[in-house]
Amino acid sequence: ERSAKLGSYFLGLLKTLKHPQLREARGMGLMLALEFSRPLAKDYCKRLMKAGLLAKDTHETTVRLAPPLIISRAELDSAFAVIRKTLAELR
């Protein structure tokens, strides 16, 4: 129940992201993904790691986000700030 509630909240934030290469944000519970229209996932994950956030690239165009089930809403907000800032820097 907690995972569904926080996941819905986080997915709502992710769906507000705008970038020319970002195709969609999707997920269920706290298993979420960002999909790009071209192979940017690996580069984006490396940039996120340098900013202190771990994510997994999949199939060259998809970034998987799987925060721990004990994550707080404040931590999700912090993670989203990193995701948004790093996405703005991606070309």
C-alpha atoms as a PDB file:
ATOM      1  CA  GLU A   1       0.000   0.000   0.000  1.00  0.00           C
ATOM      2  CA  ARG A   2       2.834   2.409   0.925  1.00  0.00           C
ATOM      3  CA  SER A   3       4.745   1.544  -2.247  1.00  0.00           C
ATOM      4  CA  ALA A   4       1.674   2.193  -4.388  1.00  0.00           C
ATOM      5  CA  LYS A   5       1.029   5.540  -2.703  1.00  0.00           C
ATOM      6  CA  LEU A   6       4.628   6.797  -2.910  1.00  0.00           C
ATOM      7  CA  GLY A   7       5.058   5.368  -6.401  1.00  0.00           C
ATOM      8  CA  SER A   8       1.995   7.206  -7.617  1.00  0.00           C
ATOM      9  CA  TYR A   9       3.328  10.415  -6.092  1.00  0.00           C
ATOM     10  CA  PHE A  10       6.794   9.968  -7.641  1.00  0.00           C
ATOM     11  CA  LEU A  11       5.381   8.990 -11.034  1.00  0.00           C
ATOM     12  CA  GLY A  12       3.268  12.146 -10.983  1.00  0.00           C
ATOM     13  CA  LEU A  13       6.428  14.182 -10.495  1.00  0.00           C
ATOM     14  CA  LEU A  14       8.279  12.291 -13.238  1.00  0.00           C
ATOM     15  CA  LYS A  15       5.438  12.901 -15.697  1.00  0.00           C
ATOM     16  CA  THR A  16       5.996  16.651 -15.346  1.00  0.00           C
ATOM     17  CA  LEU A  17       9.512  16.335 -16.828  1.00  0.00           C
ATOM     18  CA  LYS A  18      10.018  17.925 -20.221  1.00  0.00           C
ATOM     19  CA  HIS A  19      12.895  17.149 -22.584  1.00  0.00           C
ATOM     20  CA  PRO A  20      12.912  16.785 -26.373  1.00  0.00           C
ATOM     21  CA  GLN A  21      14.257  13.224 -26.134  1.00  0.00           C
ATOM     22  CA  LEU A  22      12.090  12.037 -23.214  1.00  0.00           C
ATOM     23  CA  ARG A  23       9.312   9.840 -24.566  1.00  0.00           C
ATOM     24  CA  GLU A  24       7.525   8.859 -21.343  1.00  0.00           C
ATOM     25  CA  ALA A  25       7.629   8.190 -17.624  1.00  0.00           C
ATOM     26  CA  ARG A  26       5.898   5.007 -16.484  1.00  0.00           C
ATOM     27  CA  GLY A  27       5.783   2.534 -13.661  1.00  0.00           C
ATOM     28  CA  MET A  28       3.955   0.627 -10.991  1.00  0.00           C
ATOM     29  CA  GLY A  29       4.526   1.147  -7.306  1.00  0.00           C
ATOM     30  CA  LEU A  30       8.125   2.222  -6.797  1.00  0.00           C
ATOM     31  CA  MET A  31       9.366   0.426  -9.934  1.00  0.00           C
ATOM     32  CA  LEU A  32       9.549   3.316 -12.386  1.00  0.00           C
ATOM     33  CA  ALA A  33      11.143   4.101 -15.729  1.00  0.00           C
ATOM     34  CA  LEU A  34      12.017   6.986 -17.994  1.00  0.00           C
ATOM     35  CA  GLU A  35      12.128   6.168 -21.686  1.00  0.00           C
ATOM     36  CA  PHE A  36      14.038   8.215 -24.230  1.00  0.00           C
ATOM     37  CA  SER A  37      13.445   8.318 -27.971  1.00  0.00           C
ATOM     38  CA  ARG A  38      17.125   7.640 -28.690  1.00  0.00           C
ATOM     39  CA  PRO A  39      19.968   5.774 -26.901  1.00  0.00           C
ATOM     40  CA  LEU A  40      20.631   8.168 -24.009  1.00  0.00           C
ATOM     41  CA  ALA A  41      20.034   5.866 -21.026  1.00  0.00           C
ATOM     42  CA  LYS A  42      23.642   4.929 -20.275  1.00  0.00           C
ATOM     43  CA  ASP A  43      24.893   8.515 -20.477  1.00  0.00           C
ATOM     44  CA  TYR A  44      21.998   9.762 -18.348  1.00  0.00           C
ATOM     45  CA  CYS A  45      22.615   7.077 -15.688  1.00  0.00           C
ATOM     46  CA  LYS A  46      26.299   8.039 -15.537  1.00  0.00           C
ATOM     47  CA  ARG A  47      25.325  11.676 -15.044  1.00  0.00           C
ATOM     48  CA  LEU A  48      22.831  10.739 -12.336  1.00  0.00           C
ATOM     49  CA  MET A  49      25.516   8.713 -10.545  1.00  0.00           C
ATOM     50  CA  LYS A  50      27.884  11.693 -10.572  1.00  0.00           C
ATOM     51  CA  ALA A  51      25.052  13.716  -9.015  1.00  0.00           C
ATOM     52  CA  GLY A  52      24.604  11.092  -6.274  1.00  0.00           C
ATOM     53  CA  LEU A  53      21.617   9.106  -7.584  1.00  0.00           C
ATOM     54  CA  LEU A  54      21.791   5.496  -8.772  1.00  0.00           C
ATOM     55  CA  ALA A  55      19.658   4.273 -11.674  1.00  0.00           C
ATOM     56  CA  LYS A  56      19.968   1.400 -14.173  1.00  0.00           C
ATOM     57  CA  ASP A  57      20.052   1.762 -17.938  1.00  0.00           C
ATOM     58  CA  THR A  58      18.076  -0.861 -19.879  1.00  0.00           C
ATOM     59  CA  HIS A  59      17.779  -1.445 -23.624  1.00  0.00           C
ATOM     60  CA  GLU A  60      19.741   1.731 -24.417  1.00  0.00           C
ATOM     61  CA  THR A  61      16.672   3.965 -24.171  1.00  0.00           C
ATOM     62  CA  THR A  62      15.211   3.158 -20.748  1.00  0.00           C
ATOM     63  CA  VAL A  63      16.320   4.265 -17.289  1.00  0.00           C
ATOM     64  CA  ARG A  64      14.953   2.190 -14.419  1.00  0.00           C
ATOM     65  CA  LEU A  65      14.357   3.846 -11.070  1.00  0.00           C
ATOM     66  CA  ALA A  66      13.772   1.552  -8.091  1.00  0.00           C
ATOM     67  CA  PRO A  67      14.080   3.438  -4.814  1.00  0.00           C
ATOM     68  CA  PRO A  68      14.053   1.416  -1.579  1.00  0.00           C
ATOM     69  CA  LEU A  69      10.650   0.670  -0.116  1.00  0.00           C
ATOM     70  CA  ILE A  70      11.549   2.604   3.038  1.00  0.00           C
ATOM     71  CA  ILE A  71      12.181   5.853   1.143  1.00  0.00           C
ATOM     72  CA  SER A  72      10.446   8.953   2.446  1.00  0.00           C
ATOM     73  CA  ARG A  73       8.473  11.504   0.458  1.00  0.00           C
ATOM     74  CA  ALA A  74      11.164  14.106   1.241  1.00  0.00           C
ATOM     75  CA  GLU A  75      13.817  11.783  -0.207  1.00  0.00           C
ATOM     76  CA  LEU A  76      11.706  11.298  -3.337  1.00  0.00           C
ATOM     77  CA  ASP A  77      11.492  15.077  -3.673  1.00  0.00           C
ATOM     78  CA  SER A  78      15.296  15.301  -3.396  1.00  0.00           C
ATOM     79  CA  ALA A  79      15.748  12.537  -5.960  1.00  0.00           C
ATOM     80  CA  PHE A  80      13.340  14.281  -8.319  1.00  0.00           C
ATOM     81  CA  ALA A  81      15.319  17.523  -8.032  1.00  0.00           C
ATOM     82  CA  VAL A  82      18.465  15.635  -9.085  1.00  0.00           C
ATOM     83  CA  ILE A  83      16.621  13.898 -11.943  1.00  0.00           C
ATOM     84  CA  ARG A  84      15.165  17.206 -13.207  1.00  0.00           C
ATOM     85  CA  LYS A  85      18.476  19.088 -12.975  1.00  0.00           C
ATOM     86  CA  THR A  86      20.431  16.287 -14.660  1.00  0.00           C
ATOM     87  CA  LEU A  87      17.827  15.972 -17.410  1.00  0.00           C
ATOM     88  CA  ALA A  88      18.099  19.710 -18.127  1.00  0.00           C
ATOM     89  CA  GLU A  89      21.838  19.230 -18.678  1.00  0.00           C
ATOM     90  CA  LEU A  90      21.350  16.279 -21.091  1.00  0.00           C
ATOM     91  CA  ARG A  91      21.689  16.981 -24.776  1.00  0.00           C
END
